[in-house]
C-alpha atoms as a PDB file:
ATOM      1  CA  MET A   1      -0.818 -14.001  13.961  1.00  0.00           C
ATOM      2  CA  ALA A   2      -3.474 -11.740  12.234  1.00  0.00           C
ATOM      3  CA  GLN A   3      -6.928 -11.119  13.878  1.00  0.00           C
ATOM      4  CA  ASP A   4      -9.871 -12.850  12.352  1.00  0.00           C
ATOM      5  CA  TYR A   5     -11.268  -9.641  10.931  1.00  0.00           C
ATOM      6  CA  ALA A   6      -8.142  -8.877   9.103  1.00  0.00           C
ATOM      7  CA  ALA A   7      -7.670 -12.518   7.754  1.00  0.00           C
ATOM      8  CA  PRO A   8      -8.951 -11.634   4.289  1.00  0.00           C
ATOM      9  CA  TYR A   9      -6.540  -8.638   3.946  1.00  0.00           C
ATOM     10  CA  PHE A  10      -3.357 -10.989   4.600  1.00  0.00           C
ATOM     11  CA  GLU A  11      -4.748 -13.701   2.470  1.00  0.00           C
ATOM     12  CA  GLY A  12      -5.107 -11.261  -0.258  1.00  0.00           C
ATOM     13  CA  ILE A  13      -1.380 -10.324   0.169  1.00  0.00           C
ATOM     14  CA  GLU A  14      -0.307 -13.759  -0.086  1.00  0.00           C
ATOM     15  CA  GLN A  15      -2.192 -13.992  -3.521  1.00  0.00           C
ATOM     16  CA  GLY A  16      -0.648 -10.789  -4.788  1.00  0.00           C
ATOM     17  CA  GLU A  17      -3.889  -8.668  -4.133  1.00  0.00           C
ATOM     18  CA  LEU A  18      -4.610  -5.540  -2.079  1.00  0.00           C
ATOM     19  CA  ARG A  19      -7.818  -5.940  -0.387  1.00  0.00           C
ATOM     20  CA  ALA A  20      -9.724  -3.171   1.439  1.00  0.00           C
ATOM     21  CA  GLN A  21     -12.932  -2.855   3.578  1.00  0.00           C
ATOM     22  CA  ARG A  22     -16.120  -1.204   2.428  1.00  0.00           C
ATOM     23  CA  CYS A  23     -18.911  -0.434   5.013  1.00  0.00           C
ATOM     24  CA  THR A  24     -22.334  -1.543   3.913  1.00  0.00           C
ATOM     25  CA  ALA A  25     -24.037   0.776   6.073  1.00  0.00           C
ATOM     26  CA  CYS A  26     -22.473   4.103   4.771  1.00  0.00           C
ATOM     27  CA  GLY A  27     -20.373   3.191   2.000  1.00  0.00           C
ATOM     28  CA  ASN A  28     -16.862   4.204   3.315  1.00  0.00           C
ATOM     29  CA  ALA A  29     -13.879   2.368   2.052  1.00  0.00           C
ATOM     30  CA  GLN A  30     -10.997   1.915   4.439  1.00  0.00           C
ATOM     31  CA  LEU A  31      -7.510   0.572   4.673  1.00  0.00           C
ATOM     32  CA  HIS A  32      -6.078  -0.992   7.114  1.00  0.00           C
ATOM     33  CA  PRO A  33      -8.369  -3.551   8.290  1.00  0.00           C
ATOM     34  CA  ARG A  34     -10.585  -2.461  11.274  1.00  0.00           C
ATOM     35  CA  ARG A  35     -13.384  -4.128  13.557  1.00  0.00           C
ATOM     36  CA  ARG A  36     -15.628  -1.049  12.903  1.00  0.00           C
ATOM     37  CA  CYS A  37     -16.090   1.489   9.997  1.00  0.00           C
ATOM     38  CA  ALA A  38     -13.856   4.627  10.619  1.00  0.00           C
ATOM     39  CA  GLU A  39     -16.552   6.965   9.410  1.00  0.00           C
ATOM     40  CA  CYS A  40     -20.002   5.541  11.187  1.00  0.00           C
ATOM     41  CA  GLY A  41     -18.957   2.888  13.644  1.00  0.00           C
ATOM     42  CA  SER A  42     -20.835   0.059  11.849  1.00  0.00           C
ATOM     43  CA  LYS A  43     -19.468  -3.509  12.046  1.00  0.00           C
ATOM     44  CA  GLU A  44     -21.078  -4.323   8.632  1.00  0.00           C
ATOM     45  CA  LEU A  45     -18.005  -4.581   6.732  1.00  0.00           C
ATOM     46  CA  THR A  46     -17.026  -6.374   3.651  1.00  0.00           C
ATOM     47  CA  TYR A  47     -13.859  -6.890   1.860  1.00  0.00           C
ATOM     48  CA  PHE A  48     -13.043  -6.045  -1.897  1.00  0.00           C
ATOM     49  CA  THR A  49     -10.007  -6.357  -3.938  1.00  0.00           C
ATOM     50  CA  THR A  50      -8.645  -3.062  -5.128  1.00  0.00           C
ATOM     51  CA  ASN A  51      -7.589  -2.570  -8.727  1.00  0.00           C
ATOM     52  CA  GLY A  52      -4.099  -1.770  -7.566  1.00  0.00           C
ATOM     53  CA  GLN A  53      -4.003   1.530  -9.448  1.00  0.00           C
ATOM     54  CA  GLY A  54      -3.654   4.931  -7.914  1.00  0.00           C
ATOM     55  CA  THR A  55      -1.834   8.372  -7.625  1.00  0.00           C
ATOM     56  CA  LEU A  56       1.155   9.457  -5.468  1.00  0.00           C
ATOM     57  CA  TYR A  57      -0.360  11.949  -3.058  1.00  0.00           C
ATOM     58  CA  THR A  58       2.700  12.737  -1.178  1.00  0.00           C
ATOM     59  CA  PHE A  59       6.184  11.159  -0.566  1.00  0.00           C
ATOM     60  CA  ALA A  60       9.294  11.503   1.470  1.00  0.00           C
ATOM     61  CA  THR A  61      12.834   9.617   1.264  1.00  0.00           C
ATOM     62  CA  ILE A  62      14.343   8.317   4.452  1.00  0.00           C
ATOM     63  CA  TYR A  63      18.122   8.813   4.507  1.00  0.00           C
ATOM     64  CA  ARG A  64      18.842   8.270   8.117  1.00  0.00           C
ATOM     65  CA  SER A  65      17.446   7.976  11.698  1.00  0.00           C
ATOM     66  CA  ALA A  66      15.224   5.095  10.399  1.00  0.00           C
ATOM     67  CA  PRO A  67      13.779   2.494  13.064  1.00  0.00           C
ATOM     68  CA  SER A  68      16.464  -0.107  13.597  1.00  0.00           C
ATOM     69  CA  ALA A  69      14.440  -2.664  11.747  1.00  0.00           C
ATOM     70  CA  PHE A  70      14.796  -0.654   8.527  1.00  0.00           C
ATOM     71  CA  ILE A  71      18.385   0.999   9.035  1.00  0.00           C
ATOM     72  CA  ASP A  72      20.252  -1.402   6.409  1.00  0.00           C
ATOM     73  CA  GLN A  73      17.546  -0.431   4.061  1.00  0.00           C
ATOM     74  CA  VAL A  74      18.142   3.319   3.991  1.00  0.00           C
ATOM     75  CA  PRO A  75      17.463   5.218   1.622  1.00  0.00           C
ATOM     76  CA  TYR A  76      14.093   4.161   1.127  1.00  0.00           C
ATOM     77  CA  THR A  77      10.761   6.151   0.121  1.00  0.00           C
ATOM     78  CA  LEU A  78       7.560   6.206   1.862  1.00  0.00           C
ATOM     79  CA  GLY A  79       4.474   7.590   0.149  1.00  0.00           C
ATOM     80  CA  VAL A  80       0.799   8.204   0.667  1.00  0.00           C
ATOM     81  CA  VAL A  81      -0.958   6.607  -2.216  1.00  0.00           C
ATOM     82  CA  THR A  82      -4.644   7.406  -3.228  1.00  0.00           C
ATOM     83  CA  LEU A  83      -6.130   4.378  -4.673  1.00  0.00           C
ATOM     84  CA  GLU A  84      -8.885   4.631  -7.534  1.00  0.00           C
ATOM     85  CA  ASP A  85     -10.741   2.505  -5.321  1.00  0.00           C
ATOM     86  CA  ASP A  86     -11.335   5.614  -2.803  1.00  0.00           C
ATOM     87  CA  VAL A  87      -8.748   4.647  -0.198  1.00  0.00           C
ATOM     88  CA  ARG A  88      -5.434   6.233   0.790  1.00  0.00           C
ATOM     89  CA  MET A  89      -2.544   4.147   2.407  1.00  0.00           C
ATOM     90  CA  LEU A  90       1.015   4.674   3.674  1.00  0.00           C
ATOM     91  CA  THR A  91       3.404   2.453   1.599  1.00  0.00           C
ATOM     92  CA  ARG A  92       6.745   1.992   0.306  1.00  0.00           C
ATOM     93  CA  ILE A  93       7.543   3.439  -3.188  1.00  0.00           C
ATOM     94  CA  VAL A  94       9.910   0.934  -4.962  1.00  0.00           C
ATOM     95  CA  GLY A  95      11.521   0.769  -8.290  1.00  0.00           C
ATOM     96  CA  ALA A  96      12.234   4.453  -8.717  1.00  0.00           C
ATOM     97  CA  GLU A  97      14.771   7.134  -7.877  1.00  0.00           C
ATOM     98  CA  ASP A  98      13.510  10.069  -5.695  1.00  0.00           C
ATOM     99  CA  ALA A  99      14.102  12.522  -8.400  1.00  0.00           C
ATOM    100  CA  ASP A 100      11.967  10.588 -10.778  1.00  0.00           C
ATOM    101  CA  LEU A 101       8.855  10.892  -8.316  1.00  0.00           C
ATOM    102  CA  HIS A 102       6.356  13.689  -8.283  1.00  0.00           C
ATOM    103  CA  CYS A 103       3.066  14.072  -6.528  1.00  0.00           C
ATOM    104  CA  ASP A 104      -0.074  13.019  -8.649  1.00  0.00           C
ATOM    105  CA  MET A 105       2.028  10.729 -10.679  1.00  0.00           C
ATOM    106  CA  PRO A 106       0.214   7.271 -11.447  1.00  0.00           C
ATOM    107  CA  VAL A 107       1.412   4.308  -9.474  1.00  0.00           C
ATOM    108  CA  HIS A 108       0.798   0.700  -9.644  1.00  0.00           C
ATOM    109  CA  LEU A 109       0.531  -1.959  -6.893  1.00  0.00           C
ATOM    110  CA  THR A 110       3.494  -4.442  -6.494  1.00  0.00           C
ATOM    111  CA  MET A 111       4.449  -6.804  -3.870  1.00  0.00           C
ATOM    112  CA  SER A 112       7.816  -6.658  -2.373  1.00  0.00           C
ATOM    113  CA  SER A 113       9.892  -8.489   0.348  1.00  0.00           C
ATOM    114  CA  PHE A 114      12.669  -6.662   2.211  1.00  0.00           C
ATOM    115  CA  GLY A 115      15.242  -8.841   3.770  1.00  0.00           C
ATOM    116  CA  GLU A 116      13.716 -11.922   5.586  1.00  0.00           C
ATOM    117  CA  GLY A 117      10.507  -9.812   6.193  1.00  0.00           C
ATOM    118  CA  PRO A 118       7.003 -10.542   4.871  1.00  0.00           C
ATOM    119  CA  THR A 119       5.748  -9.642   1.564  1.00  0.00           C
ATOM    120  CA  LEU A 120       4.286  -6.187   1.753  1.00  0.00           C
ATOM    121  CA  PRO A 121       2.065  -4.207  -0.714  1.00  0.00           C
ATOM    122  CA  CYS A 122       4.016  -1.469  -2.366  1.00  0.00           C
ATOM    123  CA  PHE A 123       3.705   0.815  -5.280  1.00  0.00           C
ATOM    124  CA  THR A 124       5.794   1.708  -8.271  1.00  0.00           C
ATOM    125  CA  PRO A 125       5.400   4.555 -10.732  1.00  0.00           C
ATOM    126  CA  ALA A 126       2.916   3.052 -13.607  1.00  0.00           C
ATOM    127  CA  THR A 127       5.416   3.838 -16.237  1.00  0.00           C
ATOM    128  CA  LEU A 128       7.802   1.423 -14.984  1.00  0.00           C
ATOM    129  CA  ALA A 129       5.203  -1.209 -14.286  1.00  0.00           C
ATOM    130  CA  SER A 130       3.949  -0.840 -18.032  1.00  0.00           C
ATOM    131  CA  ASP A 131       7.443  -0.539 -19.379  1.00  0.00           C
ATOM    132  CA  GLY A 132       8.571  -3.692 -17.553  1.00  0.00           C
ATOM    133  CA  GLY A 133      11.183  -1.871 -15.575  1.00  0.00           C
ATOM    134  CA  SER A 134      12.876  -3.455 -12.732  1.00  0.00           C
ATOM    135  CA  LEU A 135      11.209  -3.380  -9.342  1.00  0.00           C
ATOM    136  CA  ASP A 136      14.060  -4.657  -7.365  1.00  0.00           C
ATOM    137  CA  GLU A 137      14.859  -2.646  -4.357  1.00  0.00           C
END
């Protein structure tokens, strides 16, 4: 069960949105949900819906030695995405081969489920999202 302070984040995921927090005291934007601002410690946090656009900061493809819950999903790609909304997040990169990825490429939010797990915010290259390419993992 989600903590009360994180409920808007999970409600957004259910609605296909990625929500982040913004501190009204210092203006810092942050992802994942926290009780306090990671920058100034204030409790004055509000949620906003990101635009789902960003760039791939870095990435790595996992081929083996994955945690047991993910072993049947190898290979898979993890990336750090810098959103246009001024936050970074560690996420799955889906719908593209490793050779097609490069740092600083535009990416777009998509929601994906893996096996019987929950729906998660993931990203795919923006060219695939705009071309209508398949996002199946």
